[in-house]
Amino acid sequence: MLPPTRAVVVLAGLVMTTLLGAVGAGTATAGTSSTASVAAHPQTAAVPTGVQPAAATSVSVTPCAVAAKACMNLSTHQAWLTDGAGHVINGPVAARGGTPSAPTPVGTFHVLSKDKHFYSTQFHAPMPYSVFFYPGDAFHADNTAVPSNGCIHLNWSSAQQFYNTLHLGDQVQVVA
C-alpha cells in the first residue's frame, strides 16, 4: 500500500484534485468505507501528497490580452466583452472603427468615462451608451456598417451591454 496521494484529473480543460486515502493495485480508497477503481487514463496522474500541480494558465479566446475586459479587432470588425480572466461574456459582436483619415487608436487603454446620453458637439450627432477609452473615442451605439470618426460603433443592444458591463478603469484593447 502506498501513502495517500492527490489525484489530478483534467476534464474539459479544468484541473481537479482530490485526496485519495491510499492507492494500491489499481484501487483507491476515498474515505473510510468506499472504494473506487482508478482506471489508467492518459489524462489522469497521481501526484504525491504535498506537491501541488502547476496552475492552469488562462488563454484569451479573443485576439486581445486576457486582462482586457473589452476587445476590438479592427480588421474583422468584431468586439468582445470578457471577465478579464479570458472568459467571453459577450461576442463576437459586429463593431466598426474609424476611417483611414480618422482611425481608431490601436493599443491598450482604460475606461475613462461613461455617458448614457452623450451628444457630440464636434460631429453634431448623438452617441448613446458611450464608453470613452481614449480622449474623444468611445464604444457607442451607431450603425456598424458605417465607419466612425475614430470611435467604435456597436449595434444598440451591444452598446447597452458594453455600457452596463464596463466600469471606470477597466482595460480596453484595440488591435489592428
Protein backbone atom coordinates (compact mmCIF):
# COMPACT_ATOMS: atom_id res chain seq x y z
CA MET A 1 0.00 0.00 0.00
CA LEU A 2 1.34 3.47 -0.96
CA PRO A 3 0.98 6.63 1.13
CA PRO A 4 -2.01 8.95 0.46
CA THR A 5 -1.84 10.71 -2.88
CA ARG A 6 -3.61 13.52 -4.63
CA ALA A 7 -5.22 12.53 -7.93
CA VAL A 8 -5.14 15.17 -10.64
CA VAL A 9 -7.77 14.85 -13.33
CA VAL A 10 -8.08 17.11 -16.36
CA LEU A 11 -11.65 17.14 -17.59
CA ALA A 12 -12.85 19.55 -20.28
CA GLY A 13 -9.87 21.81 -19.61
CA LEU A 14 -10.49 22.03 -15.84
CA VAL A 15 -7.92 20.75 -13.38
CA MET A 16 -9.47 18.95 -10.41
CA THR A 17 -7.66 17.41 -7.47
CA THR A 18 -8.88 15.05 -4.81
CA LEU A 19 -7.14 13.46 -1.84
CA LEU A 20 -7.17 9.67 -2.02
CA GLY A 21 -6.69 7.64 1.16
CA ALA A 22 -4.33 5.05 -0.27
CA VAL A 23 -3.53 3.63 -3.65
CA GLY A 24 -2.66 0.03 -4.33
CA ALA A 25 -3.07 -2.41 -7.18
CA GLY A 26 -5.41 -0.19 -9.18
CA THR A 27 -7.74 0.62 -6.29
CA ALA A 28 -8.09 3.84 -4.30
CA THR A 29 -9.90 4.25 -1.04
CA ALA A 30 -11.75 7.51 -0.66
CA GLY A 31 -12.93 7.99 2.91
CA THR A 32 -13.29 5.02 5.24
CA SER A 33 -15.59 2.58 3.51
CA SER A 34 -16.00 3.38 -0.18
CA THR A 35 -13.66 2.03 -2.80
CA ALA A 36 -13.31 3.41 -6.32
CA SER A 37 -11.46 1.91 -9.19
CA VAL A 38 -8.69 4.04 -10.63
CA ALA A 39 -8.63 3.47 -14.37
CA ALA A 40 -5.50 4.02 -16.34
CA HIS A 41 -6.42 7.16 -18.28
CA PRO A 42 -3.98 9.28 -20.29
CA GLN A 43 -5.16 12.48 -18.60
CA THR A 44 -5.10 11.15 -15.01
CA ALA A 45 -1.95 11.16 -12.94
CA ALA A 46 -1.06 10.56 -9.30
CA VAL A 47 0.79 13.36 -7.55
CA PRO A 48 2.37 12.76 -4.13
CA THR A 49 0.69 14.50 -1.17
CA GLY A 50 2.14 17.96 -0.55
CA VAL A 51 3.02 18.51 -4.21
CA GLN A 52 0.69 20.93 -5.97
CA PRO A 53 0.22 20.65 -9.72
CA ALA A 54 1.08 23.71 -11.82
CA ALA A 55 -1.75 26.25 -12.02
CA ALA A 56 -3.70 26.32 -15.26
CA THR A 57 -2.82 29.36 -17.36
CA SER A 58 -5.68 31.44 -18.77
CA VAL A 59 -5.59 31.94 -22.51
CA SER A 60 -7.76 34.52 -24.20
CA VAL A 61 -10.10 33.31 -26.94
CA THR A 62 -10.13 36.86 -28.32
CA PRO A 63 -7.22 38.48 -30.16
CA CYS A 64 -6.62 40.63 -27.06
CA ALA A 65 -4.80 40.08 -23.77
CA VAL A 66 -6.54 38.02 -21.08
CA ALA A 67 -6.87 41.08 -18.81
CA ALA A 68 -8.77 43.14 -21.42
CA LYS A 69 -12.42 43.47 -20.40
CA ALA A 70 -13.28 44.91 -23.83
CA CYS A 71 -11.58 43.81 -27.02
CA MET A 72 -11.90 45.27 -30.52
CA ASN A 73 -10.44 43.73 -33.68
CA LEU A 74 -10.46 46.48 -36.32
CA SER A 75 -9.66 44.18 -39.25
CA THR A 76 -12.51 41.73 -38.60
CA HIS A 77 -14.99 44.36 -37.32
CA GLN A 78 -15.64 42.35 -34.16
CA ALA A 79 -15.74 43.21 -30.46
CA TRP A 80 -15.97 41.16 -27.26
CA LEU A 81 -16.65 41.66 -23.58
CA THR A 82 -14.74 39.40 -21.19
CA ASP A 83 -14.47 38.90 -17.45
CA GLY A 84 -10.82 39.98 -17.53
CA ALA A 85 -9.69 36.39 -16.98
CA GLY A 86 -10.02 35.12 -20.56
CA HIS A 87 -13.71 34.13 -20.48
CA VAL A 88 -16.03 35.75 -23.05
CA ILE A 89 -19.17 37.35 -21.62
CA ASN A 90 -20.47 38.60 -24.96
CA GLY A 91 -19.19 38.38 -28.50
CA PRO A 92 -18.03 38.45 -31.02
CA VAL A 93 -20.43 41.24 -31.97
CA ALA A 94 -20.43 43.46 -35.04
CA ALA A 95 -18.37 46.60 -34.50
CA ARG A 96 -16.87 49.26 -36.72
CA GLY A 97 -13.88 51.51 -36.14
CA GLY A 98 -12.70 54.67 -37.83
CA THR A 99 -11.77 55.62 -41.36
CA PRO A 100 -8.19 55.80 -42.68
CA SER A 101 -8.30 59.60 -42.23
CA ALA A 102 -9.82 59.32 -38.72
CA PRO A 103 -8.54 55.99 -37.39
CA THR A 104 -9.43 54.32 -34.13
CA PRO A 105 -6.32 54.25 -31.94
CA VAL A 106 -4.66 50.84 -31.53
CA GLY A 107 -3.32 49.81 -28.15
CA THR A 108 -4.27 49.11 -24.55
CA PHE A 109 -6.37 51.70 -22.77
CA HIS A 110 -8.66 52.04 -19.76
CA VAL A 111 -12.25 53.20 -19.47
CA LEU A 112 -12.04 56.95 -18.79
CA SER A 113 -15.72 57.86 -18.54
CA LYS A 114 -19.23 56.79 -19.48
CA ASP A 115 -22.21 58.81 -20.67
CA LYS A 116 -25.52 57.17 -21.48
CA HIS A 117 -26.83 60.20 -23.43
CA PHE A 118 -23.67 61.79 -24.86
CA TYR A 119 -24.08 64.23 -27.75
CA SER A 120 -21.04 65.12 -29.86
CA THR A 121 -20.90 68.86 -30.48
CA GLN A 122 -17.91 68.25 -32.78
CA PHE A 123 -19.87 65.97 -35.13
CA HIS A 124 -23.40 67.14 -34.18
CA ALA A 125 -24.50 63.59 -33.51
CA PRO A 126 -25.89 61.57 -30.61
CA MET A 127 -23.59 58.88 -29.22
CA PRO A 128 -25.85 56.79 -26.94
CA TYR A 129 -24.27 54.47 -24.37
CA SER A 130 -20.79 55.99 -24.77
CA VAL A 131 -17.89 54.30 -23.01
CA PHE A 132 -14.82 56.50 -23.53
CA PHE A 133 -11.47 54.70 -23.56
CA TYR A 134 -9.34 57.37 -25.29
CA PRO A 135 -9.90 61.16 -25.32
CA GLY A 136 -12.69 61.70 -27.87
CA ASP A 137 -13.10 57.99 -28.73
CA ALA A 138 -15.71 55.64 -27.30
CA PHE A 139 -17.69 52.49 -27.83
CA HIS A 140 -21.23 53.69 -28.59
CA ALA A 141 -24.45 52.80 -30.38
CA ASP A 142 -24.44 53.60 -34.09
CA ASN A 143 -24.61 51.91 -37.48
CA THR A 144 -21.96 49.15 -37.61
CA ALA A 145 -21.94 49.28 -41.43
CA VAL A 146 -20.64 52.86 -41.38
CA PRO A 147 -17.08 53.76 -40.31
CA SER A 148 -16.74 56.19 -37.44
CA ASN A 149 -14.52 59.22 -36.86
CA GLY A 150 -12.32 57.17 -34.51
CA CYS A 151 -14.96 55.72 -32.18
CA ILE A 152 -16.20 52.13 -32.22
CA HIS A 153 -19.77 51.72 -33.47
CA LEU A 154 -21.82 48.92 -31.89
CA ASN A 155 -25.43 47.96 -32.51
CA TRP A 156 -27.91 49.26 -29.93
CA SER A 157 -28.11 46.14 -27.73
CA SER A 158 -24.32 45.58 -27.78
CA ALA A 159 -23.71 49.23 -26.86
CA GLN A 160 -26.09 48.84 -23.91
CA GLN A 161 -24.26 45.73 -22.74
CA PHE A 162 -20.82 47.37 -23.08
CA TYR A 163 -22.14 50.40 -21.17
CA ASN A 164 -23.67 48.28 -18.39
CA THR A 165 -20.71 45.88 -18.09
CA LEU A 166 -17.65 48.12 -18.29
CA HIS A 167 -16.55 50.22 -15.32
CA LEU A 168 -14.14 53.13 -14.91
CA GLY A 169 -10.58 51.84 -15.11
CA ASP A 170 -11.42 48.56 -16.90
CA GLN A 171 -8.87 47.57 -19.52
CA VAL A 172 -9.78 48.03 -23.19
CA GLN A 173 -7.64 46.72 -26.02
CA VAL A 174 -7.91 47.60 -29.70
CA VAL A 175 -5.96 45.50 -32.19
CA ALA A 176 -5.41 46.09 -35.88
